[in-house]
């Protein structure tokens, strides 16, 4: 089982076939995965795009400069983190 913590509230958990994005609620299940609201995806890209939409829903963007800053700081960090974790477990 692979787990990628995106931030303090969301994590991606995969058993090789199913990819789940989980909104953590502070509790864990018997198998060690976080408990909370869960969404299912076929690819990591789908899970990350959905995560970005969930996180960005509460952040208004007032200019192109703010959008560029958000992309550079947040999305690239997530992309690099997921790519590194997938390489560690042999998925490319």
C-alpha atoms as a PDB file:
ATOM      1  CA  UNK A   1       0.000   0.000   0.000  1.00  0.00           C
ATOM      2  CA  UNK A   2       1.341   3.412  -0.947  1.00  0.00           C
ATOM      3  CA  UNK A   3       0.462   6.638   0.853  1.00  0.00           C
ATOM      4  CA  UNK A   4       1.260  10.204  -0.231  1.00  0.00           C
ATOM      5  CA  UNK A   5       0.403  12.968   2.245  1.00  0.00           C
ATOM      6  CA  UNK A   6      -0.423  16.042   0.147  1.00  0.00           C
ATOM      7  CA  UNK A   7      -0.917  18.294   3.176  1.00  0.00           C
ATOM      8  CA  UNK A   8      -2.280  18.048   6.706  1.00  0.00           C
ATOM      9  CA  UNK A   9      -5.847  17.477   5.469  1.00  0.00           C
ATOM     10  CA  UNK A  10      -5.544  15.276   2.364  1.00  0.00           C
ATOM     11  CA  UNK A  11      -3.684  12.110   1.446  1.00  0.00           C
ATOM     12  CA  UNK A  12      -3.581   9.765  -1.539  1.00  0.00           C
ATOM     13  CA  UNK A  13      -3.704   6.045  -0.744  1.00  0.00           C
ATOM     14  CA  UNK A  14      -3.273   3.330  -3.367  1.00  0.00           C
ATOM     15  CA  UNK A  15      -3.175  -0.447  -3.205  1.00  0.00           C
ATOM     16  CA  UNK A  16      -1.926  -0.749  -6.797  1.00  0.00           C
ATOM     17  CA  UNK A  17      -5.362  -0.956  -8.395  1.00  0.00           C
ATOM     18  CA  UNK A  18      -7.495   1.655  -6.655  1.00  0.00           C
ATOM     19  CA  UNK A  19      -6.377   5.235  -6.022  1.00  0.00           C
ATOM     20  CA  UNK A  20      -8.170   7.065  -3.222  1.00  0.00           C
ATOM     21  CA  UNK A  21      -8.002  10.705  -2.222  1.00  0.00           C
ATOM     22  CA  UNK A  22      -8.932  10.893   1.455  1.00  0.00           C
ATOM     23  CA  UNK A  23      -9.829  13.985   3.451  1.00  0.00           C
ATOM     24  CA  UNK A  24      -8.395  13.153   6.861  1.00  0.00           C
ATOM     25  CA  UNK A  25     -10.514  13.552   9.971  1.00  0.00           C
ATOM     26  CA  UNK A  26      -7.797  12.690  12.520  1.00  0.00           C
ATOM     27  CA  UNK A  27      -8.750   9.027  12.916  1.00  0.00           C
ATOM     28  CA  UNK A  28      -7.305   5.897  11.300  1.00  0.00           C
ATOM     29  CA  UNK A  29      -8.883   2.666  10.130  1.00  0.00           C
ATOM     30  CA  UNK A  30      -7.789  -0.808  11.252  1.00  0.00           C
ATOM     31  CA  UNK A  31      -5.548  -1.144   8.164  1.00  0.00           C
ATOM     32  CA  UNK A  32      -3.688   2.074   9.063  1.00  0.00           C
ATOM     33  CA  UNK A  33      -5.208   4.322   6.388  1.00  0.00           C
ATOM     34  CA  UNK A  34      -6.718   7.639   7.431  1.00  0.00           C
ATOM     35  CA  UNK A  35     -10.447   7.784   8.022  1.00  0.00           C
ATOM     36  CA  UNK A  36     -12.553  10.471   6.415  1.00  0.00           C
ATOM     37  CA  UNK A  37     -14.331  11.407   3.213  1.00  0.00           C
ATOM     38  CA  UNK A  38     -12.987   9.346   0.309  1.00  0.00           C
ATOM     39  CA  UNK A  39     -12.992   9.675  -3.492  1.00  0.00           C
ATOM     40  CA  UNK A  40     -11.919   7.016  -6.029  1.00  0.00           C
ATOM     41  CA  UNK A  41      -9.830   7.626  -9.164  1.00  0.00           C
ATOM     42  CA  UNK A  42      -8.199   5.672 -11.962  1.00  0.00           C
ATOM     43  CA  UNK A  43      -5.032   7.810 -12.215  1.00  0.00           C
ATOM     44  CA  UNK A  44      -2.910   9.899  -9.875  1.00  0.00           C
ATOM     45  CA  UNK A  45      -3.408  12.878 -12.197  1.00  0.00           C
ATOM     46  CA  UNK A  46      -7.177  12.731 -11.708  1.00  0.00           C
ATOM     47  CA  UNK A  47      -6.764  12.592  -7.925  1.00  0.00           C
ATOM     48  CA  UNK A  48      -4.369  15.551  -7.893  1.00  0.00           C
ATOM     49  CA  UNK A  49      -6.588  17.692 -10.149  1.00  0.00           C
ATOM     50  CA  UNK A  50      -9.575  16.990  -7.890  1.00  0.00           C
ATOM     51  CA  UNK A  51      -7.464  17.820  -4.814  1.00  0.00           C
ATOM     52  CA  UNK A  52      -6.396  21.126  -6.367  1.00  0.00           C
ATOM     53  CA  UNK A  53     -10.040  22.027  -7.058  1.00  0.00           C
ATOM     54  CA  UNK A  54     -11.050  21.167  -3.471  1.00  0.00           C
ATOM     55  CA  UNK A  55      -8.225  23.241  -1.973  1.00  0.00           C
ATOM     56  CA  UNK A  56      -8.614  26.179  -4.380  1.00  0.00           C
ATOM     57  CA  UNK A  57     -12.381  26.455  -3.882  1.00  0.00           C
ATOM     58  CA  UNK A  58     -11.899  28.665  -0.840  1.00  0.00           C
ATOM     59  CA  UNK A  59      -9.092  30.819  -2.255  1.00  0.00           C
ATOM     60  CA  UNK A  60     -10.200  33.676  -4.486  1.00  0.00           C
ATOM     61  CA  UNK A  61      -7.678  34.739  -7.136  1.00  0.00           C
ATOM     62  CA  UNK A  62      -7.771  38.397  -8.069  1.00  0.00           C
ATOM     63  CA  UNK A  63      -4.986  38.646 -10.659  1.00  0.00           C
ATOM     64  CA  UNK A  64      -2.878  36.643 -13.076  1.00  0.00           C
ATOM     65  CA  UNK A  65       0.120  37.298 -10.833  1.00  0.00           C
ATOM     66  CA  UNK A  66      -1.632  35.584  -7.900  1.00  0.00           C
ATOM     67  CA  UNK A  67      -2.536  32.644 -10.146  1.00  0.00           C
ATOM     68  CA  UNK A  68       1.070  32.297 -11.360  1.00  0.00           C
ATOM     69  CA  UNK A  69       2.378  32.425  -7.788  1.00  0.00           C
ATOM     70  CA  UNK A  70      -0.080  29.748  -6.681  1.00  0.00           C
ATOM     71  CA  UNK A  71       0.865  27.476  -9.596  1.00  0.00           C
ATOM     72  CA  UNK A  72       4.590  27.891  -8.995  1.00  0.00           C
ATOM     73  CA  UNK A  73       4.449  27.351  -5.259  1.00  0.00           C
ATOM     74  CA  UNK A  74       1.718  24.762  -4.772  1.00  0.00           C
ATOM     75  CA  UNK A  75       1.105  22.680  -7.849  1.00  0.00           C
ATOM     76  CA  UNK A  76       4.742  22.130  -8.781  1.00  0.00           C
ATOM     77  CA  UNK A  77       5.502  21.021  -5.216  1.00  0.00           C
ATOM     78  CA  UNK A  78       2.706  18.459  -5.366  1.00  0.00           C
ATOM     79  CA  UNK A  79       3.743  17.220  -8.819  1.00  0.00           C
ATOM     80  CA  UNK A  80       7.379  16.746  -7.739  1.00  0.00           C
ATOM     81  CA  UNK A  81       6.362  15.043  -4.485  1.00  0.00           C
ATOM     82  CA  UNK A  82       4.062  12.550  -6.245  1.00  0.00           C
ATOM     83  CA  UNK A  83       6.603  11.838  -9.010  1.00  0.00           C
ATOM     84  CA  UNK A  84       9.315  11.115  -6.428  1.00  0.00           C
ATOM     85  CA  UNK A  85       7.079   8.814  -4.407  1.00  0.00           C
ATOM     86  CA  UNK A  86       5.982   6.892  -7.513  1.00  0.00           C
ATOM     87  CA  UNK A  87       9.628   6.413  -8.550  1.00  0.00           C
ATOM     88  CA  UNK A  88      10.475   5.161  -5.043  1.00  0.00           C
ATOM     89  CA  UNK A  89       7.940   2.351  -5.363  1.00  0.00           C
ATOM     90  CA  UNK A  90       8.817   1.588  -8.997  1.00  0.00           C
ATOM     91  CA  UNK A  91       5.882   3.181 -10.819  1.00  0.00           C
ATOM     92  CA  UNK A  92       6.746   5.524 -13.670  1.00  0.00           C
END
